Amino acid sequence: MNNPLLFKTDASTSWWILFAIRHYLTLQLAHIVEYLFVDVLALRSLVSINLIGPLATLYTINAKGWPFILTTWGVLNFLLIQENHDTGHTFFSHWLYFVDIDMFNNNNDAGNVVDSELYREILVSMIIAGVATSKFIW
């Protein structure tokens, strides 16, 4: 594939664009998770109190907004994007690896971005920042 590399990471420009789109999709998924967990389960029903208890439910309600979104977004990126060396699976670099389009499979250079230590540290920082800034009442 004749695709220029970007940022000295051996990842192609089209892969970086797809990487940004995948992050946008996980951000939207984090908003959906916030709506389901905070607005529906914690505020409108007793399900969360019965499942995780009143203190954790209160913590979840107080974390509503960007702390909950940031934490959830970091966790979702760990689950759906950040690659574990042990898996050896191409899903993390290319979500649509099974289609016969070069842009969505291993023919599009992904470099070592999703399994890099820097990316892992960024995701951990997102989770820590979200948890640390949520309002917890003792």
Protein backbone atom coordinates (compact mmCIF):
# COMPACT_ATOMS: atom_id res chain seq x y z
CA MET A 1 0.00 0.00 0.00
CA ASN A 2 1.43 3.38 -0.98
CA ASN A 3 0.48 5.28 2.13
CA PRO A 4 2.81 7.78 3.87
CA LEU A 5 3.89 7.10 7.42
CA LEU A 6 3.14 9.62 10.14
CA PHE A 7 4.84 10.69 13.41
CA LYS A 8 7.83 8.31 13.02
CA THR A 9 5.72 5.45 14.40
CA ASP A 10 5.61 3.23 11.30
CA ALA A 11 1.84 3.82 11.26
CA SER A 12 0.31 5.09 8.04
CA THR A 13 -1.68 8.29 7.72
CA SER A 14 -4.90 6.41 6.94
CA TRP A 15 -4.38 4.22 10.02
CA TRP A 16 -4.06 7.36 12.20
CA ILE A 17 -7.33 8.67 10.75
CA LEU A 18 -9.04 5.36 11.53
CA PHE A 19 -7.42 5.44 14.99
CA ALA A 20 -8.98 8.87 15.64
CA ILE A 21 -12.36 7.60 14.41
CA ARG A 22 -12.14 4.60 16.73
CA HIS A 23 -11.43 6.92 19.65
CA TYR A 24 -14.42 9.03 18.69
CA LEU A 25 -16.59 5.89 18.65
CA THR A 26 -15.35 4.81 22.08
CA LEU A 27 -16.03 8.34 23.37
CA GLN A 28 -19.62 8.10 22.14
CA LEU A 29 -19.87 4.67 23.75
CA ALA A 30 -18.66 6.23 27.03
CA HIS A 31 -21.50 8.76 26.79
CA ILE A 32 -23.99 5.92 26.29
CA VAL A 33 -22.55 4.03 29.27
CA GLU A 34 -22.84 7.16 31.40
CA TYR A 35 -26.47 7.60 30.44
CA LEU A 36 -27.26 3.95 31.19
CA PHE A 37 -25.38 3.69 34.48
CA VAL A 38 -25.90 7.13 35.96
CA ASP A 39 -29.15 8.45 34.54
CA VAL A 40 -31.08 5.21 34.22
CA LEU A 41 -29.73 2.73 36.78
CA ALA A 42 -28.49 5.05 39.54
CA LEU A 43 -31.04 7.87 39.41
CA ARG A 44 -34.23 6.24 38.16
CA SER A 45 -34.21 2.80 39.70
CA LEU A 46 -33.11 0.88 42.74
CA VAL A 47 -31.12 -1.63 40.70
CA SER A 48 -27.75 -0.02 41.35
CA ILE A 49 -28.41 0.24 45.08
CA ASN A 50 -29.22 -3.47 45.18
CA LEU A 51 -26.24 -4.45 42.99
CA ILE A 52 -23.38 -2.24 44.17
CA GLY A 53 -24.77 -0.64 47.33
CA PRO A 54 -25.76 2.89 48.30
CA LEU A 55 -22.26 4.29 48.76
CA ALA A 56 -21.02 3.16 45.34
CA THR A 57 -24.27 4.41 43.79
CA LEU A 58 -23.74 7.81 45.39
CA TYR A 59 -20.16 7.85 44.12
CA THR A 60 -21.40 7.03 40.61
CA ILE A 61 -23.97 9.82 40.72
CA ASN A 62 -21.39 12.33 41.98
CA ALA A 63 -18.98 11.32 39.21
CA LYS A 64 -21.53 12.26 36.54
CA GLY A 65 -20.07 14.42 33.80
CA TRP A 66 -16.54 14.53 32.54
CA PRO A 67 -14.97 12.47 35.39
CA PHE A 68 -17.24 9.51 34.62
CA ILE A 69 -16.80 10.00 30.86
CA LEU A 70 -13.01 10.22 31.13
CA THR A 71 -12.78 7.12 33.32
CA THR A 72 -15.15 5.11 31.15
CA TRP A 73 -13.45 6.26 27.96
CA GLY A 74 -10.07 5.13 29.30
CA VAL A 75 -11.45 1.73 30.32
CA LEU A 76 -13.19 1.26 26.95
CA ASN A 77 -9.99 2.15 25.12
CA PHE A 78 -8.15 -0.44 27.20
CA LEU A 79 -10.74 -3.06 26.30
CA LEU A 80 -11.24 -2.22 22.62
CA ILE A 81 -8.08 -0.52 21.35
CA GLN A 82 -5.04 -1.09 23.57
CA GLU A 83 -3.34 -4.27 22.45
CA ASN A 84 -2.00 -6.90 24.78
CA HIS A 85 1.21 -8.55 23.57
CA ASP A 86 -0.10 -11.98 24.54
CA THR A 87 -3.12 -11.95 22.24
CA GLY A 88 -1.37 -11.52 18.91
CA HIS A 89 -4.75 -10.64 17.43
CA THR A 90 -5.19 -7.97 14.77
CA PHE A 91 -8.54 -6.72 16.12
CA PHE A 92 -6.88 -4.06 18.26
CA SER A 93 -4.98 -2.52 15.34
CA HIS A 94 -7.73 -3.02 12.77
CA TRP A 95 -11.34 -3.41 13.90
CA LEU A 96 -12.44 -4.50 10.42
CA TYR A 97 -9.51 -6.85 9.77
CA PHE A 98 -11.82 -9.53 8.35
CA VAL A 99 -13.01 -7.49 5.34
CA ASP A 100 -11.14 -7.66 2.07
CA ILE A 101 -10.22 -3.95 1.99
CA ASP A 102 -6.54 -3.08 2.38
CA MET A 103 -7.24 0.00 4.49
CA PHE A 104 -8.91 -2.11 7.21
CA ASN A 105 -6.48 -5.01 7.53
CA ASN A 106 -2.78 -5.67 8.11
CA ASN A 107 -1.86 -4.20 4.72
CA ASN A 108 -2.39 -0.78 6.34
CA ASP A 109 0.64 -0.26 8.58
CA ALA A 110 -0.38 0.20 12.22
CA GLY A 111 3.09 0.51 13.64
CA ASN A 112 3.41 -0.10 17.34
CA VAL A 113 1.00 2.57 18.58
CA VAL A 114 -1.67 0.44 20.27
CA ASP A 115 0.82 -1.70 22.14
CA SER A 116 3.23 1.09 23.10
CA GLU A 117 4.06 2.01 26.67
CA LEU A 118 3.20 5.68 26.00
CA TYR A 119 -0.33 4.84 24.87
CA ARG A 120 -0.81 2.61 27.92
CA GLU A 121 0.38 5.41 30.21
CA ILE A 122 -2.01 7.88 28.57
CA LEU A 123 -4.94 5.53 29.16
CA VAL A 124 -3.95 4.93 32.78
CA SER A 125 -3.65 8.70 33.27
CA MET A 126 -7.16 9.17 31.87
CA ILE A 127 -8.58 6.66 34.33
CA ILE A 128 -6.68 8.07 37.31
CA ALA A 129 -7.67 11.66 36.44
CA GLY A 130 -11.33 10.69 36.11
CA VAL A 131 -11.41 8.81 39.40
CA ALA A 132 -9.39 11.45 41.26
CA THR A 133 -11.62 14.33 40.19
CA SER A 134 -14.96 12.72 40.86
CA LYS A 135 -16.64 14.02 43.99
CA PHE A 136 -16.62 11.37 46.68
CA ILE A 137 -18.53 12.14 49.85
CA TRP A 138 -17.65 10.21 52.99
